[in-house]
Structure formats: structure tokens, C-alpha cells
Amino acid sequence: MHPEILRELTAQHGRDLREQAYRAHRARTVVQALRAMRRGTRVAEANEFAVPAIPDYVDGSFRTTGDQAAGNGPGNGPGNGQSQVPAARHAA
């Protein structure tokens, strides 16, 4: 058999297998969603993304509401522009 024909047959077979796998995945997703609806739960949707909390300081701690209310946020500290966060929190 000519190499070009053989190459085209192989490519067509690969496309057919990918399409079959895609359809099987889509069918599993539909079945899973229907099962979740019957049970009253939701399947996690692809467009839902939970953004993790990003710490305010290097040591992984977060700024408290008391720090913000007292005006001790970054740039609002005593004269030198530093916040009044203990030095141990800034050490990495």
C-alpha cells in the first residue's frame, strides 16, 4: 500500500478514536449531571472557580479588621510609611 494512503488511513482512524472518546466523555458527563439532579446535588461546573485567599504578609497571615480600622495599613503607619506590624511578622 502506498505510504500516503497508509498515512491518511492512520490519521482517519486516530480522528475516529478521538471523536468516539469525546462522545463517551460527553455521555458520562450527562449521566453524572442527571444522577446529581436526582439526588439533589450539583456537579461542579467547569466555569466555577474558587479563588484561594491570598495572605497579606509573607508569613502567611492576614491583615485583621482592627489593623485597617486603626489606620495601620501599609503606608498609613507612623511617619516613615511603615505599618505597625510586629517585626516577627515581616521576617521570612
N, C-alpha and C. Protein backbone atom coordinates (compact mmCIF):
# COMPACT_ATOMS: atom_id res chain seq x y z
N MET A 1 0.85 -1.17 0.00
CA MET A 1 0.00 0.00 0.00
C MET A 1 0.89 1.24 0.00
N HIS A 2 0.45 2.25 -0.69
CA HIS A 2 1.23 3.47 -0.81
C HIS A 2 1.33 4.16 0.55
N PRO A 3 2.51 4.72 0.87
CA PRO A 3 2.69 5.35 2.19
C PRO A 3 1.73 6.50 2.47
N GLU A 4 1.37 7.29 1.45
CA GLU A 4 0.44 8.39 1.66
C GLU A 4 -0.95 7.89 2.03
N ILE A 5 -1.39 6.84 1.37
CA ILE A 5 -2.70 6.25 1.67
C ILE A 5 -2.69 5.66 3.07
N LEU A 6 -1.63 4.96 3.40
CA LEU A 6 -1.50 4.38 4.74
C LEU A 6 -1.48 5.47 5.81
N ARG A 7 -0.78 6.56 5.55
CA ARG A 7 -0.72 7.68 6.50
C ARG A 7 -2.11 8.31 6.68
N GLU A 8 -2.85 8.45 5.59
CA GLU A 8 -4.19 9.04 5.67
C GLU A 8 -5.16 8.11 6.40
N LEU A 9 -5.05 6.82 6.17
CA LEU A 9 -5.91 5.86 6.89
C LEU A 9 -5.62 5.90 8.39
N THR A 10 -4.35 5.99 8.74
CA THR A 10 -3.97 6.06 10.15
C THR A 10 -4.50 7.34 10.79
N ALA A 11 -4.39 8.46 10.09
CA ALA A 11 -4.89 9.74 10.62
C ALA A 11 -6.41 9.69 10.78
N GLN A 12 -7.11 9.09 9.81
CA GLN A 12 -8.56 8.98 9.90
C GLN A 12 -8.96 8.11 11.09
N HIS A 13 -8.25 7.03 11.29
CA HIS A 13 -8.54 6.15 12.42
C HIS A 13 -8.32 6.88 13.75
N GLY A 14 -7.26 7.67 13.83
CA GLY A 14 -6.99 8.46 15.04
C GLY A 14 -8.11 9.47 15.30
N ARG A 15 -8.57 10.14 14.23
CA ARG A 15 -9.68 11.10 14.39
C ARG A 15 -10.95 10.39 14.86
N ASP A 16 -11.21 9.22 14.30
CA ASP A 16 -12.40 8.47 14.71
C ASP A 16 -12.32 8.06 16.19
N LEU A 17 -11.16 7.64 16.62
CA LEU A 17 -11.00 7.25 18.03
C LEU A 17 -11.16 8.45 18.96
N ARG A 18 -10.60 9.61 18.57
CA ARG A 18 -10.75 10.81 19.39
C ARG A 18 -12.21 11.25 19.48
N GLU A 19 -12.92 11.17 18.36
CA GLU A 19 -14.33 11.54 18.35
C GLU A 19 -15.14 10.59 19.22
N GLN A 20 -14.84 9.32 19.16
CA GLN A 20 -15.54 8.33 19.98
C GLN A 20 -15.27 8.58 21.47
N ALA A 21 -14.05 8.90 21.81
CA ALA A 21 -13.71 9.19 23.20
C ALA A 21 -14.42 10.47 23.67
N TYR A 22 -14.49 11.48 22.81
CA TYR A 22 -15.17 12.72 23.16
C TYR A 22 -16.65 12.47 23.42
N ARG A 23 -17.28 11.67 22.55
CA ARG A 23 -18.71 11.38 22.74
C ARG A 23 -18.94 10.56 24.01
N ALA A 24 -18.06 9.64 24.31
CA ALA A 24 -18.20 8.84 25.54
C ALA A 24 -18.05 9.73 26.77
N HIS A 25 -17.11 10.66 26.74
CA HIS A 25 -16.92 11.59 27.87
C HIS A 25 -18.14 12.47 28.04
N ARG A 26 -18.68 12.96 26.94
CA ARG A 26 -19.87 13.81 26.99
C ARG A 26 -21.05 13.03 27.55
N ALA A 27 -21.20 11.77 27.16
CA ALA A 27 -22.30 10.94 27.67
C ALA A 27 -22.14 10.69 29.17
N ARG A 28 -20.90 10.43 29.63
CA ARG A 28 -20.66 10.23 31.07
C ARG A 28 -21.00 11.49 31.85
N THR A 29 -20.65 12.65 31.29
CA THR A 29 -20.94 13.92 31.96
C THR A 29 -22.44 14.14 32.09
N VAL A 30 -23.20 13.82 31.06
CA VAL A 30 -24.65 13.97 31.09
C VAL A 30 -25.25 13.02 32.12
N VAL A 31 -24.81 11.79 32.13
CA VAL A 31 -25.32 10.82 33.10
C VAL A 31 -25.00 11.27 34.52
N GLN A 32 -23.81 11.76 34.73
CA GLN A 32 -23.41 12.23 36.06
C GLN A 32 -24.26 13.43 36.49
N ALA A 33 -24.54 14.34 35.58
CA ALA A 33 -25.37 15.51 35.90
C ALA A 33 -26.80 15.09 36.21
N LEU A 34 -27.34 14.15 35.44
CA LEU A 34 -28.70 13.67 35.71
C LEU A 34 -28.78 12.97 37.06
N ARG A 35 -27.79 12.17 37.37
CA ARG A 35 -27.75 11.48 38.65
C ARG A 35 -27.67 12.49 39.80
N ALA A 36 -26.88 13.53 39.62
CA ALA A 36 -26.76 14.56 40.65
C ALA A 36 -28.07 15.31 40.82
N MET A 37 -28.77 15.57 39.73
CA MET A 37 -30.06 16.25 39.83
C MET A 37 -31.07 15.39 40.57
N ARG A 38 -31.08 14.07 40.32
CA ARG A 38 -32.00 13.18 41.03
C ARG A 38 -31.71 13.15 42.52
N ARG A 39 -30.43 13.23 42.88
CA ARG A 39 -30.04 13.20 44.29
C ARG A 39 -30.13 14.57 44.95
N GLY A 40 -30.34 15.59 44.17
CA GLY A 40 -30.46 16.93 44.72
C GLY A 40 -29.13 17.62 44.95
N THR A 41 -28.07 17.11 44.39
CA THR A 41 -26.76 17.75 44.50
C THR A 41 -26.38 18.30 43.14
N ARG A 42 -25.36 19.13 43.14
CA ARG A 42 -24.90 19.71 41.89
C ARG A 42 -23.52 19.18 41.55
N VAL A 43 -23.30 18.99 40.29
CA VAL A 43 -21.97 18.63 39.80
C VAL A 43 -21.19 19.93 39.66
N ALA A 44 -19.94 19.94 40.10
CA ALA A 44 -19.12 21.15 39.97
C ALA A 44 -19.00 21.52 38.50
N GLU A 45 -19.37 22.74 38.20
CA GLU A 45 -19.33 23.19 36.82
C GLU A 45 -17.93 23.67 36.47
N ALA A 46 -17.61 23.60 35.20
CA ALA A 46 -16.27 23.98 34.76
C ALA A 46 -16.03 25.47 34.90
N ASN A 47 -17.10 26.28 34.85
CA ASN A 47 -16.89 27.72 34.92
C ASN A 47 -16.84 28.23 36.35
N GLU A 48 -17.05 27.37 37.34
CA GLU A 48 -16.93 27.79 38.73
C GLU A 48 -15.46 27.66 39.14
N PHE A 49 -14.95 28.71 39.73
CA PHE A 49 -13.56 28.68 40.17
C PHE A 49 -13.47 29.38 41.50
N ALA A 50 -13.03 28.69 42.50
CA ALA A 50 -12.89 29.27 43.82
C ALA A 50 -11.50 29.90 43.92
N VAL A 51 -11.47 31.18 44.13
CA VAL A 51 -10.20 31.88 44.24
C VAL A 51 -9.68 31.71 45.67
N PRO A 52 -8.49 31.17 45.84
CA PRO A 52 -7.96 30.99 47.18
C PRO A 52 -7.61 32.34 47.80
N ALA A 53 -7.70 32.39 49.12
CA ALA A 53 -7.36 33.62 49.83
C ALA A 53 -5.86 33.87 49.71
N ILE A 54 -5.48 35.09 49.42
CA ILE A 54 -4.07 35.45 49.28
C ILE A 54 -3.65 36.16 50.55
N PRO A 55 -2.66 35.65 51.25
CA PRO A 55 -2.25 36.28 52.50
C PRO A 55 -1.69 37.67 52.28
N ASP A 56 -1.85 38.53 53.30
CA ASP A 56 -1.36 39.90 53.21
C ASP A 56 0.12 40.01 53.56
N TYR A 57 0.63 39.05 54.31
CA TYR A 57 2.01 39.11 54.76
C TYR A 57 2.78 37.87 54.32
N VAL A 58 4.09 37.98 54.32
CA VAL A 58 4.97 36.91 53.83
C VAL A 58 4.81 35.64 54.66
N ASP A 59 4.57 35.78 55.96
CA ASP A 59 4.47 34.60 56.81
C ASP A 59 3.13 33.88 56.66
N GLY A 60 2.27 34.34 55.77
CA GLY A 60 1.01 33.68 55.50
C GLY A 60 -0.14 34.20 56.34
N SER A 61 0.07 35.22 57.14
CA SER A 61 -1.01 35.76 57.97
C SER A 61 -1.78 36.82 57.18
N PHE A 62 -2.95 37.11 57.70
CA PHE A 62 -3.83 38.06 57.04
C PHE A 62 -3.97 39.31 57.89
N ARG A 63 -4.21 40.42 57.24
CA ARG A 63 -4.45 41.68 57.93
C ARG A 63 -5.81 41.57 58.62
N THR A 64 -5.89 42.00 59.88
CA THR A 64 -7.16 41.93 60.60
C THR A 64 -7.93 43.22 60.40
N THR A 65 -9.22 43.19 60.71
CA THR A 65 -10.04 44.40 60.56
C THR A 65 -9.61 45.46 61.56
N GLY A 66 -9.06 45.06 62.70
CA GLY A 66 -8.57 46.03 63.68
C GLY A 66 -7.40 46.82 63.13
N ASP A 67 -6.55 46.19 62.33
CA ASP A 67 -5.41 46.89 61.72
C ASP A 67 -5.90 47.95 60.74
N GLN A 68 -6.91 47.62 59.97
CA GLN A 68 -7.43 48.56 58.99
C GLN A 68 -8.18 49.70 59.66
N ALA A 69 -8.96 49.40 60.71
CA ALA A 69 -9.75 50.42 61.38
C ALA A 69 -8.86 51.44 62.09
N ALA A 70 -7.72 51.00 62.61
CA ALA A 70 -6.81 51.89 63.32
C ALA A 70 -5.94 52.69 62.35
N GLY A 71 -6.08 52.44 61.05
CA GLY A 71 -5.28 53.16 60.06
C GLY A 71 -3.85 52.66 60.00
N ASN A 72 -3.62 51.40 60.37
CA ASN A 72 -2.27 50.85 60.38
C ASN A 72 -1.98 50.05 59.12
N GLY A 73 -2.70 50.30 58.07
CA GLY A 73 -2.44 49.59 56.83
C GLY A 73 -1.14 50.07 56.22
N PRO A 74 -0.65 49.41 55.18
CA PRO A 74 0.60 49.83 54.54
C PRO A 74 0.50 51.28 54.08
N GLY A 75 1.48 52.08 54.42
CA GLY A 75 1.51 53.48 54.02
C GLY A 75 0.81 54.40 54.99
N ASN A 76 0.12 53.85 55.98
CA ASN A 76 -0.61 54.67 56.93
C ASN A 76 0.01 54.62 58.33
N GLY A 77 1.19 54.10 58.44
CA GLY A 77 1.82 53.93 59.76
C GLY A 77 2.44 55.22 60.24
N PRO A 78 3.26 55.12 61.27
CA PRO A 78 3.89 56.31 61.81
C PRO A 78 4.87 56.90 60.82
N GLY A 79 4.93 58.17 60.70
CA GLY A 79 5.77 59.00 59.88
C GLY A 79 6.59 58.37 58.78
N ASN A 80 7.18 57.17 58.93
CA ASN A 80 8.09 56.61 57.93
C ASN A 80 7.37 55.77 56.87
N GLY A 81 6.04 55.71 56.89
CA GLY A 81 5.31 54.97 55.87
C GLY A 81 5.25 53.48 56.14
N GLN A 82 5.75 53.01 57.27
CA GLN A 82 5.71 51.59 57.62
C GLN A 82 4.49 51.30 58.46
N SER A 83 3.90 50.12 58.31
CA SER A 83 2.78 49.74 59.14
C SER A 83 3.31 49.31 60.50
N GLN A 84 2.43 49.26 61.48
CA GLN A 84 2.85 48.89 62.83
C GLN A 84 2.68 47.40 63.05
N VAL A 85 3.16 46.59 62.11
CA VAL A 85 3.12 45.14 62.22
C VAL A 85 4.38 44.72 62.94
N PRO A 86 4.27 43.79 63.92
CA PRO A 86 5.47 43.35 64.63
C PRO A 86 6.55 42.86 63.66
N ALA A 87 7.80 43.06 64.03
CA ALA A 87 8.92 42.71 63.17
C ALA A 87 8.95 41.23 62.86
N ALA A 88 8.50 40.39 63.79
CA ALA A 88 8.50 38.95 63.57
C ALA A 88 7.61 38.57 62.40
N ARG A 89 6.55 39.33 62.14
CA ARG A 89 5.67 39.03 61.01
C ARG A 89 6.34 39.32 59.69
N HIS A 90 7.24 40.31 59.67
CA HIS A 90 7.91 40.67 58.42
C HIS A 90 9.08 39.76 58.11
N ALA A 91 9.60 39.07 59.11
CA ALA A 91 10.75 38.20 58.89
C ALA A 91 10.31 36.98 58.09
N ALA A 92 11.08 36.63 57.09
CA ALA A 92 10.71 35.47 56.29
C ALA A 92 11.69 34.35 56.50
